[in-house]
C-alpha atoms as a PDB file:
ATOM      1  CA  MET A   1     -29.350 -17.384  23.524  1.00  0.00           C
ATOM      2  CA  SER A   2     -28.390 -13.897  24.203  1.00  0.00           C
ATOM      3  CA  ASP A   3     -25.660 -14.891  25.768  1.00  0.00           C
ATOM      4  CA  VAL A   4     -23.527 -15.658  22.790  1.00  0.00           C
ATOM      5  CA  TYR A   5     -23.961 -12.190  21.598  1.00  0.00           C
ATOM      6  CA  VAL A   6     -21.785  -9.167  23.109  1.00  0.00           C
ATOM      7  CA  THR A   7     -23.831  -6.938  25.102  1.00  0.00           C
ATOM      8  CA  LEU A   8     -23.811  -3.724  27.301  1.00  0.00           C
ATOM      9  CA  ALA A   9     -22.826  -5.330  30.386  1.00  0.00           C
ATOM     10  CA  ASP A  10     -19.749  -7.149  28.490  1.00  0.00           C
ATOM     11  CA  LEU A  11     -18.533  -3.974  26.716  1.00  0.00           C
ATOM     12  CA  ALA A  12     -18.284  -2.182  30.828  1.00  0.00           C
ATOM     13  CA  LYS A  13     -16.163  -4.699  31.756  1.00  0.00           C
ATOM     14  CA  ARG A  14     -13.724  -3.945  29.193  1.00  0.00           C
ATOM     15  CA  GLN A  15     -13.481  -0.397  29.048  1.00  0.00           C
ATOM     16  CA  LYS A  16     -10.562   1.816  31.570  1.00  0.00           C
ATOM     17  CA  TYR A  17     -11.070   4.415  34.070  1.00  0.00           C
ATOM     18  CA  GLY A  18     -11.165   7.587  32.031  1.00  0.00           C
ATOM     19  CA  GLY A  19     -12.635   5.922  28.885  1.00  0.00           C
ATOM     20  CA  GLY A  20     -11.485   3.700  25.889  1.00  0.00           C
ATOM     21  CA  ILE A  21     -11.204  -0.044  25.715  1.00  0.00           C
ATOM     22  CA  ASP A  22      -8.473  -1.819  28.415  1.00  0.00           C
ATOM     23  CA  ASP A  23      -6.215  -4.212  27.674  1.00  0.00           C
ATOM     24  CA  ILE A  24      -7.740  -7.164  27.839  1.00  0.00           C
ATOM     25  CA  ILE A  25      -5.180 -10.050  30.293  1.00  0.00           C
ATOM     26  CA  GLU A  26      -5.884 -13.215  28.624  1.00  0.00           C
ATOM     27  CA  VAL A  27      -6.067 -15.577  31.489  1.00  0.00           C
ATOM     28  CA  LEU A  28      -7.806 -18.314  29.638  1.00  0.00           C
ATOM     29  CA  SER A  29      -5.355 -18.765  27.190  1.00  0.00           C
ATOM     30  CA  ALA A  30      -3.284 -22.274  26.994  1.00  0.00           C
ATOM     31  CA  SER A  31       0.160 -23.049  26.148  1.00  0.00           C
ATOM     32  CA  ASN A  32       0.005 -24.644  22.590  1.00  0.00           C
ATOM     33  CA  PRO A  33       3.278 -25.007  21.198  1.00  0.00           C
ATOM     34  CA  ILE A  34       2.716 -28.024  19.528  1.00  0.00           C
ATOM     35  CA  LEU A  35       1.086 -26.020  16.826  1.00  0.00           C
ATOM     36  CA  GLN A  36       4.642 -24.222  16.521  1.00  0.00           C
ATOM     37  CA  ASP A  37       6.154 -27.355  16.739  1.00  0.00           C
ATOM     38  CA  ALA A  38       4.472 -29.616  13.651  1.00  0.00           C
ATOM     39  CA  PRO A  39       4.861 -28.805  10.187  1.00  0.00           C
ATOM     40  CA  VAL A  40       2.021 -28.078   8.346  1.00  0.00           C
ATOM     41  CA  VAL A  41       1.689 -29.714   5.053  1.00  0.00           C
ATOM     42  CA  GLU A  42      -1.040 -29.002   2.156  1.00  0.00           C
ATOM     43  CA  GLY A  43      -2.717 -32.239   1.255  1.00  0.00           C
ATOM     44  CA  ASN A  44      -2.323 -33.686  -2.107  1.00  0.00           C
ATOM     45  CA  LEU A  45      -6.587 -34.299  -1.798  1.00  0.00           C
ATOM     46  CA  PRO A  46      -9.278 -31.788  -1.397  1.00  0.00           C
ATOM     47  CA  THR A  47     -10.492 -33.520   1.304  1.00  0.00           C
ATOM     48  CA  GLY A  48      -7.023 -34.091   3.052  1.00  0.00           C
ATOM     49  CA  HIS A  49      -4.237 -36.539   2.551  1.00  0.00           C
ATOM     50  CA  ARG A  50      -3.244 -39.583   1.210  1.00  0.00           C
ATOM     51  CA  THR A  51      -0.032 -41.778   2.227  1.00  0.00           C
ATOM     52  CA  THR A  52       1.417 -44.943   0.634  1.00  0.00           C
ATOM     53  CA  GLN A  53       2.963 -47.314   2.943  1.00  0.00           C
ATOM     54  CA  ARG A  54       5.073 -49.879   2.108  1.00  0.00           C
ATOM     55  CA  THR A  55       3.902 -53.111   3.745  1.00  0.00           C
ATOM     56  CA  THR A  56       6.587 -56.047   2.462  1.00  0.00           C
ATOM     57  CA  LEU A  57       9.242 -56.344   1.870  1.00  0.00           C
ATOM     58  CA  PRO A  58      11.013 -58.911  -1.177  1.00  0.00           C
ATOM     59  CA  SER A  59      13.444 -61.222   1.075  1.00  0.00           C
ATOM     60  CA  GLY A  60      15.396 -62.658  -1.483  1.00  0.00           C
ATOM     61  CA  THR A  61      16.363 -66.482  -1.951  1.00  0.00           C
ATOM     62  CA  PHE A  62      20.030 -68.598  -1.042  1.00  0.00           C
ATOM     63  CA  ARG A  63      20.354 -70.493  -3.992  1.00  0.00           C
ATOM     64  CA  GLY A  64      22.433 -73.242  -5.350  1.00  0.00           C
ATOM     65  CA  ILE A  65      24.109 -73.985  -8.575  1.00  0.00           C
ATOM     66  CA  ASN A  66      21.492 -74.623 -11.226  1.00  0.00           C
ATOM     67  CA  GLU A  67      18.410 -73.780  -9.028  1.00  0.00           C
ATOM     68  CA  GLY A  68      16.485 -70.669  -9.107  1.00  0.00           C
ATOM     69  CA  VAL A  69      14.692 -68.514  -6.547  1.00  0.00           C
ATOM     70  CA  ASP A  70      11.380 -67.382  -6.017  1.00  0.00           C
ATOM     71  CA  THR A  71       9.786 -64.480  -7.464  1.00  0.00           C
ATOM     72  CA  GLU A  72       9.076 -61.860  -5.201  1.00  0.00           C
ATOM     73  CA  ARG A  73       7.513 -58.312  -5.294  1.00  0.00           C
ATOM     74  CA  SER A  74       6.926 -55.660  -2.375  1.00  0.00           C
ATOM     75  CA  THR A  75       2.969 -54.528  -1.011  1.00  0.00           C
ATOM     76  CA  THR A  76       1.846 -51.464   0.134  1.00  0.00           C
ATOM     77  CA  LYS A  77      -1.034 -49.767   1.374  1.00  0.00           C
ATOM     78  CA  GLN A  78      -2.480 -46.503   1.224  1.00  0.00           C
ATOM     79  CA  VAL A  79      -4.311 -44.349   3.751  1.00  0.00           C
ATOM     80  CA  ASP A  80      -6.124 -41.463   3.760  1.00  0.00           C
ATOM     81  CA  ASP A  81      -6.285 -38.868   6.406  1.00  0.00           C
ATOM     82  CA  THR A  82      -9.108 -36.494   6.381  1.00  0.00           C
ATOM     83  CA  CYS A  83      -9.429 -32.524   7.781  1.00  0.00           C
ATOM     84  CA  ALA A  84     -11.759 -31.140   9.552  1.00  0.00           C
ATOM     85  CA  LEU A  85     -13.373 -27.534   9.218  1.00  0.00           C
ATOM     86  CA  LEU A  86     -12.995 -24.915  12.572  1.00  0.00           C
ATOM     87  CA  GLU A  87     -14.856 -21.859  12.452  1.00  0.00           C
ATOM     88  CA  GLY A  88     -16.484 -19.131  14.171  1.00  0.00           C
ATOM     89  CA  TYR A  89     -18.039 -15.806  13.991  1.00  0.00           C
ATOM     90  CA  SER A  90     -17.501 -12.352  15.722  1.00  0.00           C
ATOM     91  CA  ALA A  91     -20.575 -10.267  15.286  1.00  0.00           C
ATOM     92  CA  ILE A  92     -20.829  -7.316  17.203  1.00  0.00           C
ATOM     93  CA  ASP A  93     -23.762  -4.854  16.908  1.00  0.00           C
ATOM     94  CA  GLU A  94     -23.357  -1.866  15.134  1.00  0.00           C
ATOM     95  CA  GLU A  95     -24.316   0.355  18.110  1.00  0.00           C
ATOM     96  CA  LEU A  96     -22.535  -1.379  20.809  1.00  0.00           C
ATOM     97  CA  VAL A  97     -19.473  -0.636  18.344  1.00  0.00           C
ATOM     98  CA  ARG A  98     -20.544   3.134  18.138  1.00  0.00           C
ATOM     99  CA  ILE A  99     -21.113   3.779  21.767  1.00  0.00           C
ATOM    100  CA  ALA A 100     -17.631   2.105  22.916  1.00  0.00           C
ATOM    101  CA  GLY A 101     -15.872   4.393  21.064  1.00  0.00           C
ATOM    102  CA  ASP A 102     -12.566   2.926  19.857  1.00  0.00           C
ATOM    103  CA  ARG A 103     -13.879   0.584  16.825  1.00  0.00           C
ATOM    104  CA  ALA A 104     -11.030  -0.989  16.064  1.00  0.00           C
ATOM    105  CA  LYS A 105      -9.525  -1.997  19.201  1.00  0.00           C
ATOM    106  CA  PHE A 106     -13.345  -3.266  20.642  1.00  0.00           C
ATOM    107  CA  ARG A 107     -13.001  -5.720  17.674  1.00  0.00           C
ATOM    108  CA  ALA A 108     -10.119  -6.245  18.477  1.00  0.00           C
ATOM    109  CA  SER A 109     -10.397  -7.418  21.809  1.00  0.00           C
ATOM    110  CA  GLU A 110     -13.292  -9.769  20.834  1.00  0.00           C
ATOM    111  CA  ASP A 111     -11.405 -11.033  17.824  1.00  0.00           C
ATOM    112  CA  ASP A 112      -8.024 -11.854  20.206  1.00  0.00           C
ATOM    113  CA  ALA A 113     -10.592 -13.947  22.049  1.00  0.00           C
ATOM    114  CA  PHE A 114     -11.468 -16.070  18.898  1.00  0.00           C
ATOM    115  CA  ILE A 115      -7.983 -16.633  17.850  1.00  0.00           C
ATOM    116  CA  ALA A 116      -6.882 -17.982  21.857  1.00  0.00           C
ATOM    117  CA  GLY A 117     -10.252 -20.001  21.800  1.00  0.00           C
ATOM    118  CA  LEU A 118      -9.549 -21.436  18.453  1.00  0.00           C
ATOM    119  CA  SER A 119      -6.002 -22.689  19.175  1.00  0.00           C
ATOM    120  CA  ASN A 120      -7.297 -24.234  21.893  1.00  0.00           C
ATOM    121  CA  THR A 121      -9.750 -26.216  20.288  1.00  0.00           C
ATOM    122  CA  ALA A 122      -7.344 -27.384  17.713  1.00  0.00           C
ATOM    123  CA  ALA A 123      -4.383 -27.800  20.065  1.00  0.00           C
ATOM    124  CA  THR A 124      -6.979 -30.412  22.032  1.00  0.00           C
ATOM    125  CA  LYS A 125      -8.268 -32.306  18.717  1.00  0.00           C
ATOM    126  CA  ILE A 126      -4.425 -32.564  17.707  1.00  0.00           C
ATOM    127  CA  PHE A 127      -4.576 -35.015  20.613  1.00  0.00           C
ATOM    128  CA  GLU A 128      -8.319 -35.774  21.208  1.00  0.00           C
ATOM    129  CA  GLY A 129     -10.188 -35.526  18.029  1.00  0.00           C
ATOM    130  CA  ASN A 130     -11.479 -38.464  16.675  1.00  0.00           C
ATOM    131  CA  SER A 131     -13.611 -39.151  13.421  1.00  0.00           C
ATOM    132  CA  ASN A 132     -14.089 -42.537  13.973  1.00  0.00           C
ATOM    133  CA  THR A 133     -16.880 -41.358  16.599  1.00  0.00           C
ATOM    134  CA  THR A 134     -17.462 -37.407  15.618  1.00  0.00           C
ATOM    135  CA  PRO A 135     -17.085 -37.554  11.944  1.00  0.00           C
ATOM    136  CA  LYS A 136     -16.796 -33.561  11.498  1.00  0.00           C
ATOM    137  CA  GLU A 137     -13.360 -33.324  13.404  1.00  0.00           C
ATOM    138  CA  PHE A 138     -10.255 -35.090  12.303  1.00  0.00           C
ATOM    139  CA  LEU A 139      -8.532 -38.063  13.847  1.00  0.00           C
ATOM    140  CA  GLY A 140      -6.159 -37.241  16.982  1.00  0.00           C
ATOM    141  CA  LEU A 141      -2.921 -38.732  18.443  1.00  0.00           C
ATOM    142  CA  GLU A 142      -5.040 -40.740  20.916  1.00  0.00           C
ATOM    143  CA  ALA A 143      -7.534 -42.760  18.845  1.00  0.00           C
ATOM    144  CA  ARG A 144      -3.834 -43.528  16.489  1.00  0.00           C
ATOM    145  CA  TYR A 145      -2.501 -44.911  19.816  1.00  0.00           C
ATOM    146  CA  SER A 146      -4.993 -46.309  21.614  1.00  0.00           C
ATOM    147  CA  SER A 147      -4.090 -49.680  22.320  1.00  0.00           C
ATOM    148  CA  LEU A 148      -0.888 -50.968  24.170  1.00  0.00           C
ATOM    149  CA  GLY A 149       1.870 -52.147  21.532  1.00  0.00           C
ATOM    150  CA  THR A 150       5.208 -50.971  20.573  1.00  0.00           C
ATOM    151  CA  TYR A 151       4.533 -47.316  20.039  1.00  0.00           C
ATOM    152  CA  CYS A 152       2.367 -47.220  23.223  1.00  0.00           C
ATOM    153  CA  LEU A 153       3.999 -48.240  26.619  1.00  0.00           C
ATOM    154  CA  SER A 154       2.058 -48.474  30.000  1.00  0.00           C
ATOM    155  CA  ALA A 155       3.348 -46.807  32.885  1.00  0.00           C
ATOM    156  CA  SER A 156       0.936 -49.019  34.652  1.00  0.00           C
ATOM    157  CA  GLY A 157      -1.606 -46.879  36.204  1.00  0.00           C
ATOM    158  CA  SER A 158      -5.255 -47.449  36.949  1.00  0.00           C
ATOM    159  CA  GLY A 159      -8.306 -45.449  37.112  1.00  0.00           C
ATOM    160  CA  THR A 160      -9.691 -42.379  35.329  1.00  0.00           C
ATOM    161  CA  ASP A 161      -6.590 -40.022  36.585  1.00  0.00           C
ATOM    162  CA  ASN A 162      -4.133 -41.044  34.009  1.00  0.00           C
ATOM    163  CA  THR A 163      -2.260 -38.825  31.614  1.00  0.00           C
ATOM    164  CA  SER A 164       0.509 -39.372  28.729  1.00  0.00           C
ATOM    165  CA  ILE A 165       3.787 -38.630  27.472  1.00  0.00           C
ATOM    166  CA  TRP A 166       4.217 -37.700  23.728  1.00  0.00           C
ATOM    167  CA  ILE A 167       7.283 -38.345  21.809  1.00  0.00           C
ATOM    168  CA  ILE A 168       6.770 -37.499  18.212  1.00  0.00           C
ATOM    169  CA  LYS A 169       9.251 -36.695  15.482  1.00  0.00           C
ATOM    170  CA  TRP A 170       7.526 -34.279  13.181  1.00  0.00           C
ATOM    171  CA  SER A 171       9.006 -33.971   9.520  1.00  0.00           C
ATOM    172  CA  PRO A 172       6.588 -34.086   5.904  1.00  0.00           C
ATOM    173  CA  LEU A 173       7.975 -37.757   5.755  1.00  0.00           C
ATOM    174  CA  THR A 174       7.217 -39.040   9.351  1.00  0.00           C
ATOM    175  CA  ALA A 175       3.951 -36.589  10.763  1.00  0.00           C
ATOM    176  CA  HIS A 176       2.491 -33.498  10.486  1.00  0.00           C
ATOM    177  CA  LEU A 177      -0.395 -31.288  10.210  1.00  0.00           C
ATOM    178  CA  ILE A 178      -2.749 -30.975   6.715  1.00  0.00           C
ATOM    179  CA  PHE A 179      -4.926 -28.735   4.942  1.00  0.00           C
ATOM    180  CA  PRO A 180      -6.706 -29.729   1.944  1.00  0.00           C
ATOM    181  CA  LYS A 181      -5.515 -29.387  -1.211  1.00  0.00           C
ATOM    182  CA  GLY A 182      -6.128 -25.881  -3.073  1.00  0.00           C
ATOM    183  CA  THR A 183      -7.117 -24.493   0.482  1.00  0.00           C
ATOM    184  CA  LYS A 184      -4.760 -22.064   2.841  1.00  0.00           C
ATOM    185  CA  GLY A 185      -2.991 -23.453   6.305  1.00  0.00           C
ATOM    186  CA  GLY A 186      -3.270 -21.998   9.535  1.00  0.00           C
ATOM    187  CA  LEU A 187      -6.125 -19.650  10.878  1.00  0.00           C
ATOM    188  CA  GLU A 188      -7.787 -17.165   8.264  1.00  0.00           C
ATOM    189  CA  SER A 189      -9.651 -14.322   9.897  1.00  0.00           C
ATOM    190  CA  LYS A 190     -11.412 -11.974   7.218  1.00  0.00           C
ATOM    191  CA  ASP A 191     -13.610  -9.226   8.236  1.00  0.00           C
ATOM    192  CA  LEU A 192     -16.819  -9.056   6.591  1.00  0.00           C
ATOM    193  CA  GLY A 193     -17.371  -5.473   7.573  1.00  0.00           C
ATOM    194  CA  LEU A 194     -20.577  -4.104   8.513  1.00  0.00           C
ATOM    195  CA  ILE A 195     -23.400  -6.150   7.079  1.00  0.00           C
ATOM    196  CA  PRO A 196     -26.752  -7.616   8.315  1.00  0.00           C
ATOM    197  CA  TRP A 197     -26.880 -10.725  11.143  1.00  0.00           C
ATOM    198  CA  GLU A 198     -29.910 -12.375  12.292  1.00  0.00           C
ATOM    199  CA  ASP A 199     -30.434 -12.510  16.139  1.00  0.00           C
ATOM    200  CA  SER A 200     -31.733 -15.536  18.304  1.00  0.00           C
ATOM    201  CA  ASN A 201     -35.525 -14.709  16.831  1.00  0.00           C
ATOM    202  CA  ASN A 202     -34.007 -14.624  13.258  1.00  0.00           C
ATOM    203  CA  LYS A 203     -34.171 -11.122  13.288  1.00  0.00           C
ATOM    204  CA  HIS A 204     -32.116  -8.569  11.533  1.00  0.00           C
ATOM    205  CA  TYR A 205     -29.756  -6.326  12.912  1.00  0.00           C
ATOM    206  CA  MET A 206     -26.093  -4.505  11.421  1.00  0.00           C
ATOM    207  CA  ALA A 207     -23.054  -6.080  13.159  1.00  0.00           C
ATOM    208  CA  TRP A 208     -19.487  -6.096  12.683  1.00  0.00           C
ATOM    209  CA  VAL A 209     -18.507  -9.355  11.753  1.00  0.00           C
ATOM    210  CA  THR A 210     -15.068 -11.129  11.714  1.00  0.00           C
ATOM    211  CA  GLN A 211     -15.008 -14.731  10.223  1.00  0.00           C
ATOM    212  CA  PHE A 212     -12.751 -17.220  11.188  1.00  0.00           C
ATOM    213  CA  ILE A 213     -11.937 -20.329   8.927  1.00  0.00           C
ATOM    214  CA  TRP A 214      -9.244 -23.064   9.746  1.00  0.00           C
ATOM    215  CA  HIS A 215      -9.048 -26.041   7.692  1.00  0.00           C
ATOM    216  CA  LEU A 216      -6.870 -28.459   9.939  1.00  0.00           C
ATOM    217  CA  GLY A 217      -6.350 -32.024   9.815  1.00  0.00           C
ATOM    218  CA  LEU A 218      -3.226 -34.672  10.953  1.00  0.00           C
ATOM    219  CA  THR A 219      -1.176 -37.019   9.352  1.00  0.00           C
ATOM    220  CA  ILE A 220       0.953 -39.866  10.643  1.00  0.00           C
ATOM    221  CA  ARG A 221       3.191 -41.366   7.409  1.00  0.00           C
ATOM    222  CA  ASP A 222       5.390 -43.441   9.433  1.00  0.00           C
ATOM    223  CA  TYR A 223       3.459 -44.573  12.828  1.00  0.00           C
ATOM    224  CA  ARG A 224       7.081 -45.861  14.131  1.00  0.00           C
ATOM    225  CA  TYR A 225       8.177 -41.953  14.428  1.00  0.00           C
ATOM    226  CA  VAL A 226       5.439 -41.558  17.603  1.00  0.00           C
ATOM    227  CA  ALA A 227       5.919 -43.317  20.989  1.00  0.00           C
ATOM    228  CA  ARG A 228       3.305 -42.880  23.610  1.00  0.00           C
ATOM    229  CA  VAL A 229       3.670 -43.506  27.796  1.00  0.00           C
ATOM    230  CA  CYS A 230       0.377 -44.045  28.652  1.00  0.00           C
ATOM    231  CA  ASN A 231      -1.392 -44.735  31.902  1.00  0.00           C
ATOM    232  CA  ILE A 232       0.585 -42.446  34.342  1.00  0.00           C
ATOM    233  CA  ASP A 233      -1.295 -42.160  37.212  1.00  0.00           C
ATOM    234  CA  THR A 234      -0.960 -38.958  38.285  1.00  0.00           C
ATOM    235  CA  SER A 235      -1.856 -39.348  42.286  1.00  0.00           C
ATOM    236  CA  GLU A 236       0.608 -41.746  42.413  1.00  0.00           C
ATOM    237  CA  LEU A 237       3.588 -39.735  41.099  1.00  0.00           C
ATOM    238  CA  THR A 238       6.179 -38.927  43.601  1.00  0.00           C
ATOM    239  CA  SER A 239       9.144 -36.600  43.831  1.00  0.00           C
ATOM    240  CA  ASP A 240      12.057 -39.333  44.292  1.00  0.00           C
ATOM    241  CA  ALA A 241      10.149 -42.068  42.135  1.00  0.00           C
ATOM    242  CA  SER A 242      10.423 -44.149  44.972  1.00  0.00           C
ATOM    243  CA  ALA A 243       6.303 -44.896  44.310  1.00  0.00           C
ATOM    244  CA  GLY A 244       4.417 -44.352  40.904  1.00  0.00           C
ATOM    245  CA  THR A 245       6.277 -43.773  37.822  1.00  0.00           C
ATOM    246  CA  ASP A 246       9.635 -43.397  37.136  1.00  0.00           C
ATOM    247  CA  LEU A 247       8.988 -40.828  34.403  1.00  0.00           C
ATOM    248  CA  MET A 248      12.574 -40.692  32.743  1.00  0.00           C
ATOM    249  CA  ASP A 249      12.916 -44.381  32.769  1.00  0.00           C
ATOM    250  CA  LYS A 250       9.348 -44.677  30.951  1.00  0.00           C
ATOM    251  CA  MET A 251      10.660 -41.752  28.572  1.00  0.00           C
ATOM    252  CA  LEU A 252      14.003 -43.781  27.521  1.00  0.00           C
ATOM    253  CA  ASP A 253      12.210 -46.828  26.552  1.00  0.00           C
ATOM    254  CA  ALA A 254       9.596 -44.723  24.442  1.00  0.00           C
ATOM    255  CA  TYR A 255      12.253 -42.869  23.039  1.00  0.00           C
ATOM    256  CA  TYR A 256      14.480 -45.924  21.715  1.00  0.00           C
ATOM    257  CA  THR A 257      10.714 -47.585  20.324  1.00  0.00           C
ATOM    258  CA  VAL A 258      10.957 -44.246  17.312  1.00  0.00           C
ATOM    259  CA  PRO A 259      13.584 -45.629  14.741  1.00  0.00           C
ATOM    260  CA  SER A 260      17.027 -43.614  14.519  1.00  0.00           C
ATOM    261  CA  GLN A 261      17.150 -43.327  11.146  1.00  0.00           C
ATOM    262  CA  ASP A 262      18.849 -39.786  10.135  1.00  0.00           C
ATOM    263  CA  LEU A 263      16.386 -37.734   8.789  1.00  0.00           C
ATOM    264  CA  GLY A 264      18.928 -34.610   8.246  1.00  0.00           C
ATOM    265  CA  LYS A 265      17.359 -31.003   9.360  1.00  0.00           C
ATOM    266  CA  MET A 266      13.554 -31.232   8.306  1.00  0.00           C
ATOM    267  CA  ALA A 267      13.312 -33.835  11.063  1.00  0.00           C
ATOM    268  CA  LYS A 268      13.103 -32.302  14.988  1.00  0.00           C
ATOM    269  CA  THR A 269      12.062 -34.448  18.194  1.00  0.00           C
ATOM    270  CA  PHE A 270       9.674 -32.953  20.668  1.00  0.00           C
ATOM    271  CA  VAL A 271       8.551 -34.215  23.452  1.00  0.00           C
ATOM    272  CA  TYR A 272       4.787 -33.544  24.736  1.00  0.00           C
ATOM    273  CA  CYS A 273       3.455 -33.492  28.420  1.00  0.00           C
ATOM    274  CA  ASN A 274       1.322 -31.275  31.041  1.00  0.00           C
ATOM    275  CA  LYS A 275       2.087 -29.495  33.576  1.00  0.00           C
ATOM    276  CA  THR A 276       1.511 -32.279  36.237  1.00  0.00           C
ATOM    277  CA  VAL A 277       4.263 -34.666  34.926  1.00  0.00           C
ATOM    278  CA  ALA A 278       6.436 -31.567  34.048  1.00  0.00           C
ATOM    279  CA  LYS A 279       6.494 -30.539  37.609  1.00  0.00           C
ATOM    280  CA  TYR A 280       7.643 -34.113  39.120  1.00  0.00           C
ATOM    281  CA  LEU A 281       9.778 -34.988  35.838  1.00  0.00           C
ATOM    282  CA  HIS A 282      11.562 -32.067  37.285  1.00  0.00           C
ATOM    283  CA  LYS A 283      11.475 -33.104  40.626  1.00  0.00           C
ATOM    284  CA  GLN A 284      12.721 -36.797  40.244  1.00  0.00           C
ATOM    285  CA  ALA A 285      15.146 -35.168  38.142  1.00  0.00           C
ATOM    286  CA  MET A 286      16.924 -33.474  40.730  1.00  0.00           C
ATOM    287  CA  ASN A 287      16.707 -36.243  42.928  1.00  0.00           C
ATOM    288  CA  LYS A 288      18.927 -38.932  41.247  1.00  0.00           C
ATOM    289  CA  ALA A 289      22.028 -38.722  39.287  1.00  0.00           C
ATOM    290  CA  ASN A 290      21.183 -37.442  36.067  1.00  0.00           C
ATOM    291  CA  VAL A 291      22.696 -37.277  32.377  1.00  0.00           C
ATOM    292  CA  ASN A 292      19.417 -37.144  30.149  1.00  0.00           C
ATOM    293  CA  LEU A 293      17.676 -34.171  31.396  1.00  0.00           C
ATOM    294  CA  THR A 294      19.007 -30.445  30.557  1.00  0.00           C
ATOM    295  CA  LEU A 295      18.659 -26.849  30.393  1.00  0.00           C
ATOM    296  CA  ARG A 296      19.225 -25.711  26.736  1.00  0.00           C
ATOM    297  CA  GLU A 297      18.847 -22.131  25.177  1.00  0.00           C
ATOM    298  CA  ALA A 298      16.520 -22.200  22.145  1.00  0.00           C
ATOM    299  CA  ALA A 299      15.044 -19.265  20.657  1.00  0.00           C
ATOM    300  CA  GLY A 300      16.163 -16.671  23.458  1.00  0.00           C
ATOM    301  CA  LYS A 301      14.441 -19.069  26.135  1.00  0.00           C
ATOM    302  CA  VAL A 302      15.938 -21.581  28.343  1.00  0.00           C
ATOM    303  CA  VAL A 303      14.241 -25.092  27.602  1.00  0.00           C
ATOM    304  CA  THR A 304      14.533 -28.331  29.374  1.00  0.00           C
ATOM    305  CA  HIS A 305      15.378 -31.018  26.855  1.00  0.00           C
ATOM    306  CA  PHE A 306      15.069 -34.956  27.307  1.00  0.00           C
ATOM    307  CA  LEU A 307      18.443 -36.413  25.348  1.00  0.00           C
ATOM    308  CA  GLU A 308      17.933 -34.000  22.059  1.00  0.00           C
ATOM    309  CA  ALA A 309      14.361 -33.394  22.017  1.00  0.00           C
ATOM    310  CA  PRO A 310      12.698 -29.879  23.801  1.00  0.00           C
ATOM    311  CA  ILE A 311      10.437 -31.079  26.291  1.00  0.00           C
ATOM    312  CA  HIS A 312       7.006 -28.740  25.400  1.00  0.00           C
ATOM    313  CA  ILE A 313       4.213 -28.311  28.376  1.00  0.00           C
ATOM    314  CA  CYS A 314       0.860 -28.596  26.175  1.00  0.00           C
ATOM    315  CA  ASP A 315      -2.447 -27.798  28.575  1.00  0.00           C
ATOM    316  CA  ALA A 316      -4.354 -29.994  25.986  1.00  0.00           C
ATOM    317  CA  ILE A 317      -3.185 -33.112  27.722  1.00  0.00           C
ATOM    318  CA  GLY A 318      -5.400 -33.855  30.721  1.00  0.00           C
ATOM    319  CA  ASP A 319      -5.228 -35.722  33.552  1.00  0.00           C
ATOM    320  CA  ASP A 320      -8.026 -37.468  33.145  1.00  0.00           C
ATOM    321  CA  GLU A 321      -7.442 -40.381  30.836  1.00  0.00           C
ATOM    322  CA  SER A 322      -9.161 -43.656  31.212  1.00  0.00           C
ATOM    323  CA  THR A 323      -7.058 -46.802  31.967  1.00  0.00           C
ATOM    324  CA  ILE A 324      -5.698 -48.544  28.546  1.00  0.00           C
ATOM    325  CA  SER A 325      -5.356 -51.914  27.747  1.00  0.00           C
END
């Protein structure tokens, strides 16, 4: 259990020449733009969010003179999405902090790692979370779009080295992240100060402690505004799409499954893929006449767009998905 605590060896590896705490390069940090893209809305339940969806519409009746019409009604159903609690504690022995010299920077060096690590976990669970099999998690995208159909399209790959492309139109009416009613959205950090702490043998010592809390969930209020291209066999991708998946062709199929209804400025469409797909997408675009893929500036950065949707690389999307049928 000693490997869960910051040690003297860890301190030695963080000190710079001449003394003090060195700047740490976060080589383990992942690309998680989905956490910035998705709107975050307070849920209407203490445990999450309830959505009421229309399930049938009246169709009306063509009638003749002196004839009546059928009485009709619409029907609805309610869907509850629950949130999960992601939590962590950074606890550093008081004596170790004293030896470090720069208490604030030493603690911050460890707190930064928790922020990066919990962000990686949250982004991964937006895709892979499954409260059906792991009740402490929330229900992610893959579990919701887990069988082929109108909004889950196959690229005909096989085996266990597949990946997916996601097209999502985020908005408060379509799909968004949630946090329980009465709580706070986003990752909270609380400096608990110098408090008694227990080691692995339930013995106490004094430690500087930071608590990290994240109430997080996902709701798909209208399932039609998310589309998945699955079964992309990464081992068969080619630069000119002469074999394997023609990525842009499949993206066009998925793009046009999403309703074209104008939701105004509150709705934004994004494409998500991993680096493997992004690389081959770029190569395939260079090897054919292409008007669908463009480079545009957004927030001071040049971003590749598919039609009007920015393409964002998410490291949480793996290359190890099993075939979906």
